[in-house]
Protein backbone atom coordinates (compact mmCIF):
# COMPACT_ATOMS: atom_id res chain seq x y z
CA MET A 1 -12.31 3.00 -2.02
CA GLU A 2 -12.71 6.77 -2.21
CA ALA A 3 -10.72 8.74 -4.74
CA MET A 4 -8.16 11.24 -3.60
CA ASN A 5 -9.36 14.83 -3.54
CA PRO A 6 -7.19 16.92 -5.87
CA THR A 7 -7.62 20.13 -3.86
CA THR A 8 -4.12 19.93 -2.36
CA PRO A 9 -0.97 18.41 -3.90
CA SER A 10 -1.29 15.36 -1.67
CA GLY A 11 -5.04 15.14 -2.17
CA CYS A 12 -5.50 15.54 1.58
CA LEU A 13 -7.98 17.93 3.05
CA CYS A 14 -7.34 17.92 6.78
CA GLU A 15 -11.06 18.27 7.47
CA ASP A 16 -11.49 14.89 5.77
CA VAL A 17 -9.50 13.35 8.62
CA ASP A 18 -11.87 14.67 11.30
CA PRO A 19 -14.66 12.12 10.69
CA ILE A 20 -12.09 9.35 11.05
CA LEU A 21 -10.84 10.84 14.30
CA ASP A 22 -14.42 11.23 15.54
CA ARG A 23 -15.25 7.61 14.65
CA TYR A 24 -12.54 6.53 17.13
CA GLY A 25 -13.48 9.08 19.77
CA ARG A 26 -10.13 10.82 19.26
CA ASP A 27 -8.64 8.12 21.47
CA GLN A 28 -4.81 8.06 21.50
CA GLY A 29 -4.89 4.32 22.11
CA LEU A 30 -6.51 3.81 18.72
CA LEU A 31 -3.77 5.56 16.75
CA VAL A 32 -2.99 2.53 14.58
CA SER A 33 -6.66 2.09 13.63
CA ILE A 34 -6.95 5.79 12.82
CA LEU A 35 -3.87 5.63 10.59
CA GLN A 36 -5.23 2.51 8.87
CA ASP A 37 -8.44 4.33 7.98
CA ILE A 38 -6.54 7.38 6.73
CA GLN A 39 -4.35 5.16 4.57
CA GLU A 40 -7.41 3.41 3.19
CA LYS A 41 -8.89 6.78 2.23
CA TYR A 42 -5.78 8.24 0.56
CA ARG A 43 -3.78 5.06 -0.25
CA TYR A 44 -0.94 6.50 1.87
CA LEU A 45 -0.44 8.74 4.92
CA PRO A 46 -0.18 12.37 3.80
CA LYS A 47 1.98 14.62 5.99
CA GLU A 48 -0.96 16.98 6.52
CA ALA A 49 -3.09 14.12 7.82
CA LEU A 50 -0.37 13.03 10.26
CA GLU A 51 -0.11 16.59 11.53
CA ARG A 52 -3.89 16.74 11.98
CA VAL A 53 -3.86 13.46 13.91
CA SER A 54 -1.00 14.69 16.10
CA ALA A 55 -2.83 17.89 17.00
CA ALA A 56 -6.26 16.28 17.46
CA LEU A 57 -4.98 13.49 19.70
CA ASP A 58 -2.47 15.69 21.50
CA VAL A 59 0.24 13.20 20.62
CA PRO A 60 3.72 14.43 19.61
CA MET A 61 4.29 14.32 15.86
CA ALA A 62 7.38 12.19 16.51
CA GLN A 63 5.19 9.51 18.07
CA VAL A 64 2.69 9.56 15.18
CA TYR A 65 5.59 9.35 12.72
CA ALA A 66 7.19 6.50 14.70
CA VAL A 67 4.01 4.44 14.44
CA ALA A 68 3.57 5.31 10.75
CA THR A 69 7.10 4.18 9.92
CA PHE A 70 7.22 1.14 12.22
CA PHE A 71 4.53 -0.85 10.44
CA LYS A 72 5.30 -1.98 6.88
CA ALA A 73 1.60 -1.73 6.01
CA PHE A 74 1.82 2.06 6.16
CA SER A 75 3.24 4.19 3.38
CA LEU A 76 4.33 7.82 3.55
CA LYS A 77 4.49 7.99 -0.25
CA PRO A 78 1.48 7.90 -2.56
CA ARG A 79 0.61 4.41 -3.74
CA GLY A 80 -1.03 3.32 -6.96
CA ARG A 81 -4.70 2.52 -7.48
CA HIS A 82 -3.50 -1.07 -7.85
CA VAL A 83 -0.88 -2.60 -5.58
CA VAL A 84 1.01 -5.62 -6.87
CA GLN A 85 3.06 -7.51 -4.29
CA VAL A 86 5.41 -10.31 -5.23
CA CYS A 87 6.18 -12.77 -2.46
CA MET A 88 9.92 -13.32 -2.18
CA GLY A 89 9.78 -15.84 0.67
CA THR A 90 11.95 -18.93 0.31
CA ALA A 91 9.27 -21.17 -1.25
CA CYS A 92 8.27 -18.50 -3.78
CA HIS A 93 11.86 -17.49 -4.46
CA VAL A 94 12.97 -21.00 -5.40
CA ARG A 95 9.89 -21.39 -7.63
CA GLY A 96 10.75 -18.36 -9.73
CA ALA A 97 9.48 -15.26 -7.94
CA PRO A 98 12.49 -13.14 -9.05
CA LEU A 99 11.63 -13.88 -12.70
CA ILE A 100 7.97 -13.02 -12.04
CA ARG A 101 8.99 -9.73 -10.44
CA ASP A 102 11.32 -8.88 -13.33
CA LYS A 103 8.55 -9.51 -15.88
CA LEU A 104 6.10 -7.40 -13.86
CA GLU A 105 8.64 -4.56 -13.80
CA ARG A 106 9.01 -4.70 -17.58
CA ASP A 107 5.33 -5.16 -18.39
CA LEU A 108 4.02 -2.60 -15.91
CA GLY A 109 6.82 -0.13 -16.59
CA VAL A 110 7.53 0.40 -12.90
CA LYS A 111 10.51 -0.68 -10.79
CA ASN A 112 10.15 -2.78 -7.67
CA GLY A 113 9.38 -0.56 -4.67
CA GLU A 114 8.05 2.27 -6.83
CA THR A 115 4.77 3.73 -7.99
CA ALA A 116 4.00 4.70 -11.57
CA ALA A 117 3.99 8.46 -12.20
CA ASP A 118 0.28 8.33 -13.06
CA LEU A 119 -0.42 6.54 -9.74
CA SER A 120 -1.93 3.60 -11.61
CA VAL A 121 0.16 0.90 -9.93
CA THR A 122 2.65 0.23 -7.15
CA LEU A 123 4.95 -2.78 -7.40
CA GLU A 124 6.62 -4.16 -4.31
CA SER A 125 8.34 -7.27 -3.03
CA VAL A 126 7.23 -8.70 0.28
CA ASN A 127 9.02 -11.20 2.49
CA CYS A 128 6.25 -13.77 2.83
CA VAL A 129 2.49 -13.82 2.44
CA GLY A 130 2.04 -17.14 4.23
CA ALA A 131 0.78 -19.09 1.23
CA CYS A 132 3.90 -21.13 0.57
CA ALA A 133 2.04 -24.08 -0.97
CA LEU A 134 0.75 -21.71 -3.68
CA GLY A 135 4.17 -20.33 -4.62
CA PRO A 136 5.12 -18.35 -6.45
CA VAL A 137 2.50 -15.93 -5.17
CA VAL A 138 1.51 -12.46 -6.35
CA VAL A 139 -1.00 -10.41 -4.38
CA LEU A 140 -3.00 -8.02 -6.55
CA ASP A 141 -5.09 -5.56 -4.57
CA ASP A 142 -5.28 -7.92 -1.57
CA GLU A 143 -6.30 -10.88 -3.79
CA VAL A 144 -3.85 -13.79 -3.63
CA GLN A 145 -2.82 -15.22 -6.99
CA GLY A 146 -1.15 -18.62 -6.63
CA HIS A 147 1.09 -20.74 -8.84
CA VAL A 148 1.95 -17.66 -10.90
CA THR A 149 3.86 -18.33 -14.09
CA LEU A 150 5.33 -15.92 -16.61
CA THR A 151 2.26 -16.57 -18.78
CA LYS A 152 -0.10 -15.77 -15.88
CA VAL A 153 1.69 -12.45 -15.44
CA ASP A 154 0.16 -11.30 -18.74
CA ALA A 155 -3.35 -11.77 -17.32
CA LEU A 156 -2.40 -9.92 -14.12
CA VAL A 157 -1.02 -7.00 -16.11
CA LYS A 158 -4.20 -6.94 -18.18
CA LYS A 159 -6.26 -6.74 -14.96
CA VAL A 160 -4.17 -3.81 -13.75
CA ARG A 161 -4.50 -1.99 -17.07
CA SER A 162 -8.29 -2.43 -17.35
């Protein structure tokens, strides 16, 4: 994953969005794919990038914003280099997911739904990751960790910190 460019407060240089737009032929019908690639580049959707997409595709900003806020996978706020998601689905919940989340909050020093000030980590609860037999589940940077215990949280935190 590319690092954010510190040239602007958000790290977004609008010209950096142009190759993404070109890759999709500036096709309005591929708006979701374009936004996915922008989010992959910056770890969120900077306002400047959304404005660039709106102008380049000749799509109203309201429509771009509607798509960006409709899908939970998109974030309008900067996210950490590491994203830790705790499954709170029924199977995970009854197997201790709230305790896992609480320990992660304490050990990572970040509240659920927030990103650390140094952008090192984002912690979030998700409704279900579809791995109920592995509950409780934590997803660290898209890697599913199953049968997570309070002891296993220590190893996950160590991974995040390294």
